[in-house]
N, C-alpha and C. Protein backbone atom coordinates (compact mmCIF):
# COMPACT_ATOMS: atom_id res chain seq x y z
N UNK A 1 99.34 104.82 112.21
CA UNK A 1 99.30 103.38 112.29
C UNK A 1 98.08 102.89 113.05
N UNK A 2 97.64 103.65 114.02
CA UNK A 2 96.50 103.20 114.78
C UNK A 2 95.32 104.13 114.54
N UNK A 3 95.16 104.58 113.31
CA UNK A 3 94.02 105.42 112.96
C UNK A 3 92.75 104.60 113.12
N UNK A 4 91.65 105.32 113.21
CA UNK A 4 90.38 104.62 113.37
C UNK A 4 89.95 104.00 112.04
N UNK A 5 89.05 103.05 112.13
CA UNK A 5 88.53 102.36 110.96
C UNK A 5 87.47 103.25 110.31
N UNK A 6 87.41 103.30 108.98
CA UNK A 6 86.35 104.06 108.34
C UNK A 6 84.98 103.62 108.83
N UNK A 7 84.03 104.56 108.85
CA UNK A 7 82.71 104.29 109.41
C UNK A 7 82.03 103.10 108.75
N UNK A 8 82.23 102.92 107.44
CA UNK A 8 81.58 101.80 106.77
C UNK A 8 82.21 100.46 107.10
N UNK A 9 83.32 100.48 107.82
CA UNK A 9 83.99 99.24 108.23
C UNK A 9 84.05 99.12 109.74
N UNK A 10 83.27 99.92 110.43
CA UNK A 10 83.30 99.93 111.89
C UNK A 10 82.92 98.57 112.45
N UNK A 11 83.60 98.21 113.50
CA UNK A 11 83.35 96.95 114.19
C UNK A 11 83.27 97.25 115.68
N UNK A 12 82.72 96.34 116.48
CA UNK A 12 82.60 96.59 117.91
C UNK A 12 83.95 96.90 118.54
N UNK A 13 83.93 97.61 119.64
CA UNK A 13 85.14 98.03 120.34
C UNK A 13 85.88 96.90 121.01
N UNK A 14 86.99 97.24 121.68
CA UNK A 14 87.85 96.23 122.29
C UNK A 14 87.17 95.41 123.37
N UNK A 15 86.05 95.89 123.89
CA UNK A 15 85.37 95.10 124.91
C UNK A 15 84.88 93.78 124.34
N UNK A 16 84.75 93.69 123.03
CA UNK A 16 84.39 92.42 122.40
C UNK A 16 85.66 91.76 121.89
N UNK A 17 86.63 91.62 122.78
CA UNK A 17 87.97 91.18 122.43
C UNK A 17 87.97 89.98 121.51
N UNK A 18 88.56 90.17 120.36
CA UNK A 18 88.69 89.10 119.40
C UNK A 18 90.12 88.60 119.42
N UNK A 19 90.28 87.36 119.19
CA UNK A 19 91.59 86.73 119.24
C UNK A 19 91.44 85.46 120.05
N UNK A 20 92.55 84.91 120.47
CA UNK A 20 92.48 83.69 121.27
C UNK A 20 91.66 83.91 122.53
N UNK A 21 90.84 82.94 122.87
CA UNK A 21 89.98 83.05 124.04
C UNK A 21 90.76 82.78 125.33
N UNK A 22 91.72 81.91 125.28
CA UNK A 22 92.50 81.53 126.45
C UNK A 22 93.65 82.51 126.65
N UNK A 23 93.77 83.03 127.85
CA UNK A 23 94.84 84.00 128.15
C UNK A 23 96.22 83.41 127.89
N UNK A 24 96.37 82.10 127.98
CA UNK A 24 97.66 81.47 127.73
C UNK A 24 98.05 81.57 126.27
N UNK A 25 97.09 81.87 125.41
CA UNK A 25 97.38 81.98 123.98
C UNK A 25 97.81 83.39 123.59
N UNK A 26 98.00 84.27 124.58
CA UNK A 26 98.48 85.63 124.35
C UNK A 26 99.89 85.75 124.89
N UNK A 27 100.74 86.47 124.20
CA UNK A 27 102.11 86.71 124.65
C UNK A 27 102.29 88.18 124.98
N UNK A 28 102.97 88.47 126.08
CA UNK A 28 103.36 89.85 126.36
C UNK A 28 104.56 90.16 125.48
N UNK A 29 104.90 91.43 125.34
CA UNK A 29 106.02 91.79 124.48
C UNK A 29 107.35 91.19 124.96
N UNK A 30 107.61 91.14 126.27
CA UNK A 30 108.84 90.45 126.70
C UNK A 30 108.84 88.96 126.32
N UNK A 31 107.66 88.33 126.37
CA UNK A 31 107.57 86.92 125.95
C UNK A 31 107.89 86.77 124.47
N UNK A 32 107.39 87.71 123.66
CA UNK A 32 107.67 87.69 122.22
C UNK A 32 109.16 87.86 121.99
N UNK A 33 109.78 88.80 122.70
CA UNK A 33 111.22 89.03 122.56
C UNK A 33 112.00 87.76 122.88
N UNK A 34 111.59 87.08 123.94
CA UNK A 34 112.28 85.85 124.33
C UNK A 34 112.08 84.77 123.27
N UNK A 35 110.85 84.62 122.79
CA UNK A 35 110.55 83.59 121.79
C UNK A 35 111.33 83.83 120.50
N UNK A 36 111.44 85.10 120.09
CA UNK A 36 112.14 85.44 118.84
C UNK A 36 113.64 85.61 119.05
N UNK A 37 114.07 85.58 120.31
CA UNK A 37 115.47 85.78 120.68
C UNK A 37 115.99 87.12 120.17
N UNK A 38 115.21 88.17 120.45
CA UNK A 38 115.60 89.54 120.11
C UNK A 38 115.34 90.42 121.33
N UNK A 39 115.82 91.65 121.27
CA UNK A 39 115.59 92.57 122.39
C UNK A 39 114.16 93.09 122.35
N UNK A 40 113.71 93.60 123.49
CA UNK A 40 112.37 94.19 123.56
C UNK A 40 112.29 95.39 122.63
N UNK A 41 113.39 96.12 122.47
CA UNK A 41 113.43 97.25 121.53
C UNK A 41 113.15 96.80 120.11
N UNK A 42 113.69 95.65 119.75
CA UNK A 42 113.46 95.11 118.41
C UNK A 42 111.99 94.74 118.23
N UNK A 43 111.36 94.21 119.25
CA UNK A 43 109.94 93.87 119.18
C UNK A 43 109.12 95.14 118.96
N UNK A 44 109.44 96.20 119.70
CA UNK A 44 108.74 97.47 119.51
C UNK A 44 108.92 97.98 118.08
N UNK A 45 110.14 97.84 117.55
CA UNK A 45 110.41 98.26 116.17
C UNK A 45 109.61 97.41 115.18
N UNK A 46 109.51 96.12 115.44
CA UNK A 46 108.74 95.24 114.56
C UNK A 46 107.26 95.61 114.56
N UNK A 47 106.76 96.05 115.71
CA UNK A 47 105.36 96.49 115.78
C UNK A 47 105.20 97.78 114.97
N UNK A 48 106.13 98.72 115.14
CA UNK A 48 106.06 99.98 114.37
C UNK A 48 106.17 99.72 112.87
N UNK A 49 106.97 98.74 112.49
CA UNK A 49 107.17 98.41 111.08
C UNK A 49 106.07 97.51 110.52
N UNK A 50 105.06 97.19 111.32
CA UNK A 50 103.93 96.36 110.92
C UNK A 50 104.35 94.91 110.61
N UNK A 51 105.40 94.45 111.27
CA UNK A 51 105.79 93.05 111.16
C UNK A 51 105.04 92.22 112.19
N UNK A 52 104.62 92.86 113.26
CA UNK A 52 103.86 92.24 114.34
C UNK A 52 102.70 93.16 114.69
N UNK A 53 101.73 92.61 115.38
CA UNK A 53 100.59 93.40 115.86
C UNK A 53 100.44 93.14 117.35
N UNK A 54 100.21 94.22 118.10
CA UNK A 54 100.00 94.09 119.54
C UNK A 54 98.85 95.00 119.93
N UNK A 55 98.03 94.52 120.84
CA UNK A 55 96.90 95.30 121.35
C UNK A 55 96.91 95.20 122.88
N UNK A 56 96.23 96.13 123.50
CA UNK A 56 96.15 96.12 124.97
C UNK A 56 95.07 95.16 125.43
N UNK A 57 95.43 94.30 126.33
CA UNK A 57 94.51 93.39 127.00
C UNK A 57 94.84 93.48 128.47
N UNK A 58 93.86 93.86 129.28
CA UNK A 58 94.06 94.03 130.72
C UNK A 58 95.19 95.02 131.01
N UNK A 59 95.30 96.05 130.18
CA UNK A 59 96.28 97.11 130.38
C UNK A 59 97.69 96.80 129.92
N UNK A 60 97.89 95.62 129.35
CA UNK A 60 99.23 95.21 128.91
C UNK A 60 99.19 94.92 127.42
N UNK A 61 100.21 95.40 126.69
CA UNK A 61 100.27 95.09 125.26
C UNK A 61 100.62 93.63 125.07
N UNK A 62 99.80 92.97 124.26
CA UNK A 62 99.96 91.53 124.01
C UNK A 62 99.72 91.24 122.54
N UNK A 63 100.12 90.06 122.14
CA UNK A 63 99.81 89.59 120.80
C UNK A 63 99.47 88.11 120.86
N UNK A 64 98.62 87.65 119.93
CA UNK A 64 98.29 86.22 119.92
C UNK A 64 99.54 85.38 119.67
N UNK A 65 99.69 84.35 120.47
CA UNK A 65 100.87 83.49 120.38
C UNK A 65 100.97 82.78 119.03
N UNK A 66 99.83 82.46 118.41
CA UNK A 66 99.90 81.72 117.15
C UNK A 66 100.37 82.56 115.97
N UNK A 67 100.56 83.87 116.17
CA UNK A 67 101.11 84.70 115.09
C UNK A 67 102.63 84.68 115.08
N UNK A 68 103.20 84.06 116.13
CA UNK A 68 104.65 83.88 116.19
C UNK A 68 104.90 82.38 116.08
N UNK A 69 105.34 81.95 114.91
CA UNK A 69 105.57 80.53 114.66
C UNK A 69 106.96 80.15 115.13
N UNK A 70 107.02 79.40 116.20
CA UNK A 70 108.30 78.97 116.78
C UNK A 70 109.18 80.17 117.06
N UNK A 71 110.27 80.31 116.31
CA UNK A 71 111.21 81.41 116.56
C UNK A 71 111.14 82.48 115.49
N UNK A 72 110.06 82.51 114.72
CA UNK A 72 109.89 83.52 113.68
C UNK A 72 108.45 84.01 113.66
N UNK A 73 108.26 85.13 112.99
CA UNK A 73 106.91 85.64 112.77
C UNK A 73 106.34 84.88 111.58
N UNK A 74 105.03 84.61 111.57
CA UNK A 74 104.43 83.96 110.42
C UNK A 74 104.84 84.70 109.15
N UNK A 75 105.26 83.98 108.16
CA UNK A 75 105.85 84.54 106.95
C UNK A 75 105.01 85.65 106.30
N UNK A 76 103.73 85.46 106.18
CA UNK A 76 102.89 86.41 105.45
C UNK A 76 102.23 87.45 106.34
N UNK A 77 102.44 87.38 107.65
CA UNK A 77 101.79 88.32 108.55
C UNK A 77 102.14 89.78 108.25
N UNK A 78 103.41 90.14 108.07
CA UNK A 78 103.71 91.56 107.80
C UNK A 78 103.00 92.09 106.55
N UNK A 79 102.94 91.30 105.51
CA UNK A 79 102.26 91.73 104.29
C UNK A 79 100.77 91.96 104.52
N UNK A 80 100.14 91.05 105.25
CA UNK A 80 98.71 91.19 105.54
C UNK A 80 98.47 92.40 106.43
N UNK A 81 99.32 92.61 107.43
CA UNK A 81 99.16 93.78 108.30
C UNK A 81 99.28 95.08 107.52
N UNK A 82 100.22 95.13 106.59
CA UNK A 82 100.36 96.33 105.76
C UNK A 82 99.15 96.54 104.87
N UNK A 83 98.61 95.48 104.31
CA UNK A 83 97.42 95.59 103.48
C UNK A 83 96.22 96.08 104.29
N UNK A 84 96.08 95.57 105.50
CA UNK A 84 94.97 95.99 106.36
C UNK A 84 95.14 97.45 106.78
N UNK A 85 96.36 97.86 107.07
CA UNK A 85 96.62 99.26 107.40
C UNK A 85 96.28 100.16 106.22
N UNK A 86 96.67 99.75 105.03
CA UNK A 86 96.36 100.52 103.81
C UNK A 86 94.85 100.62 103.59
N UNK A 87 94.11 99.62 104.05
CA UNK A 87 92.65 99.62 103.91
C UNK A 87 91.98 100.43 105.02
N UNK A 88 92.76 100.99 105.95
CA UNK A 88 92.20 101.84 106.99
C UNK A 88 91.93 101.14 108.31
N UNK A 89 92.42 99.94 108.50
CA UNK A 89 92.19 99.20 109.73
C UNK A 89 93.22 99.59 110.79
N UNK A 90 92.75 99.84 112.01
CA UNK A 90 93.68 100.04 113.12
C UNK A 90 94.05 98.67 113.68
N UNK A 91 94.86 98.65 114.73
CA UNK A 91 95.33 97.37 115.26
C UNK A 91 94.20 96.49 115.78
N UNK A 92 93.25 97.08 116.50
CA UNK A 92 92.13 96.29 117.02
C UNK A 92 91.30 95.70 115.88
N UNK A 93 91.00 96.52 114.88
CA UNK A 93 90.19 96.05 113.76
C UNK A 93 90.95 95.00 112.95
N UNK A 94 92.25 95.18 112.78
CA UNK A 94 93.05 94.19 112.05
C UNK A 94 93.03 92.86 112.79
N UNK A 95 93.15 92.92 114.11
CA UNK A 95 93.12 91.69 114.89
C UNK A 95 91.76 91.01 114.78
N UNK A 96 90.69 91.81 114.84
CA UNK A 96 89.35 91.23 114.69
C UNK A 96 89.22 90.57 113.31
N UNK A 97 89.73 91.23 112.27
CA UNK A 97 89.64 90.66 110.92
C UNK A 97 90.41 89.35 110.85
N UNK A 98 91.59 89.32 111.45
CA UNK A 98 92.41 88.10 111.41
C UNK A 98 91.73 86.92 112.09
N UNK A 99 90.93 87.19 113.12
CA UNK A 99 90.31 86.11 113.88
C UNK A 99 88.82 85.96 113.63
N UNK A 100 88.31 86.69 112.65
CA UNK A 100 86.90 86.56 112.30
C UNK A 100 86.65 85.17 111.71
N UNK A 101 85.65 84.46 112.22
CA UNK A 101 85.38 83.12 111.69
C UNK A 101 85.07 83.15 110.19
N UNK A 102 85.68 82.24 109.47
CA UNK A 102 85.47 82.15 108.02
C UNK A 102 85.59 80.68 107.64
N UNK A 103 84.44 80.05 107.42
CA UNK A 103 84.42 78.62 107.11
C UNK A 103 85.02 78.28 105.76
N UNK A 104 85.29 79.28 104.92
CA UNK A 104 85.87 79.01 103.60
C UNK A 104 87.39 78.90 103.66
N UNK A 105 87.97 79.12 104.83
CA UNK A 105 89.42 79.03 105.00
C UNK A 105 89.76 77.87 105.93
N UNK A 106 90.87 77.18 105.66
CA UNK A 106 91.31 76.14 106.58
C UNK A 106 91.62 76.75 107.95
N UNK A 107 91.17 76.12 109.00
CA UNK A 107 91.37 76.66 110.34
C UNK A 107 90.27 77.62 110.73
N UNK A 108 89.42 77.97 109.78
CA UNK A 108 88.21 78.78 110.00
C UNK A 108 88.47 80.23 110.37
N UNK A 109 89.69 80.75 110.14
CA UNK A 109 89.96 82.18 110.31
C UNK A 109 91.20 82.54 109.49
N UNK A 110 91.31 83.80 109.06
CA UNK A 110 92.50 84.21 108.31
C UNK A 110 93.80 83.98 109.09
N UNK A 111 93.79 84.21 110.40
CA UNK A 111 95.00 84.01 111.20
C UNK A 111 95.48 82.57 111.14
N UNK A 112 94.56 81.64 111.26
CA UNK A 112 94.94 80.22 111.20
C UNK A 112 95.39 79.83 109.80
N UNK A 113 94.75 80.39 108.77
CA UNK A 113 95.09 80.06 107.39
C UNK A 113 96.45 80.63 106.98
N UNK A 114 96.92 81.68 107.65
CA UNK A 114 98.23 82.27 107.32
C UNK A 114 99.37 81.28 107.49
N UNK A 115 99.20 80.34 108.38
CA UNK A 115 100.26 79.37 108.62
C UNK A 115 100.23 78.19 107.68
N UNK A 116 99.31 78.19 106.72
CA UNK A 116 99.19 77.05 105.82
C UNK A 116 99.22 77.43 104.36
N UNK A 117 98.62 76.56 103.55
CA UNK A 117 98.63 76.73 102.10
C UNK A 117 97.76 77.88 101.61
N UNK A 118 96.88 78.38 102.44
CA UNK A 118 95.95 79.42 102.01
C UNK A 118 96.43 80.84 102.33
N UNK A 119 97.69 81.02 102.65
CA UNK A 119 98.22 82.35 103.00
C UNK A 119 98.02 83.34 101.86
N UNK A 120 98.23 82.91 100.65
CA UNK A 120 98.04 83.81 99.50
C UNK A 120 96.58 84.23 99.36
N UNK A 121 95.66 83.34 99.66
CA UNK A 121 94.25 83.68 99.61
C UNK A 121 93.91 84.72 100.68
N UNK A 122 94.50 84.58 101.85
CA UNK A 122 94.28 85.56 102.92
C UNK A 122 94.82 86.92 102.48
N UNK A 123 96.00 86.94 101.87
CA UNK A 123 96.56 88.20 101.37
C UNK A 123 95.68 88.80 100.29
N UNK A 124 95.14 87.98 99.41
CA UNK A 124 94.26 88.49 98.35
C UNK A 124 93.00 89.12 98.96
N UNK A 125 92.44 88.47 99.97
CA UNK A 125 91.24 89.01 100.62
C UNK A 125 91.54 90.31 101.35
N UNK A 126 92.70 90.38 102.00
CA UNK A 126 93.09 91.61 102.69
C UNK A 126 93.30 92.74 101.67
N UNK A 127 93.88 92.41 100.53
CA UNK A 127 94.11 93.41 99.49
C UNK A 127 92.78 93.93 98.94
N UNK A 128 91.80 93.06 98.81
CA UNK A 128 90.50 93.44 98.27
C UNK A 128 89.77 94.41 99.20
N UNK A 129 90.11 94.44 100.48
CA UNK A 129 89.46 95.34 101.41
C UNK A 129 89.74 96.80 101.09
N UNK A 130 90.83 97.06 100.40
CA UNK A 130 91.21 98.42 100.05
C UNK A 130 90.41 99.00 98.90
N UNK A 131 89.58 98.18 98.27
CA UNK A 131 88.84 98.66 97.09
C UNK A 131 87.36 98.76 97.34
């Protein structure tokens, strides 16, 4: 699940942290569990099942808060995460891809577009990465 990215898709390391710039926009796993009203064990299972993505920031596993819409995970996030994994992306690279600026999408990034009408377009682009 956390294999390295193929050399032709290599991106800068975690020191160039991509995702929300404000620390308040990151949730720790206990925060995610509380927001989703599930146990921390269930959150870990959701990460293993590619329903959620978490990366280490300052030594603590966190995830961007905007990937958890209210009391649910963004509807298309698990599908996109699976497509990115199939394309050889590890968690850090998948997160970078989700937050890479893209002026052709509403919200200017795939992560922001997942919550709107362009979710299918984001899934199509993620699927195309595998070819």
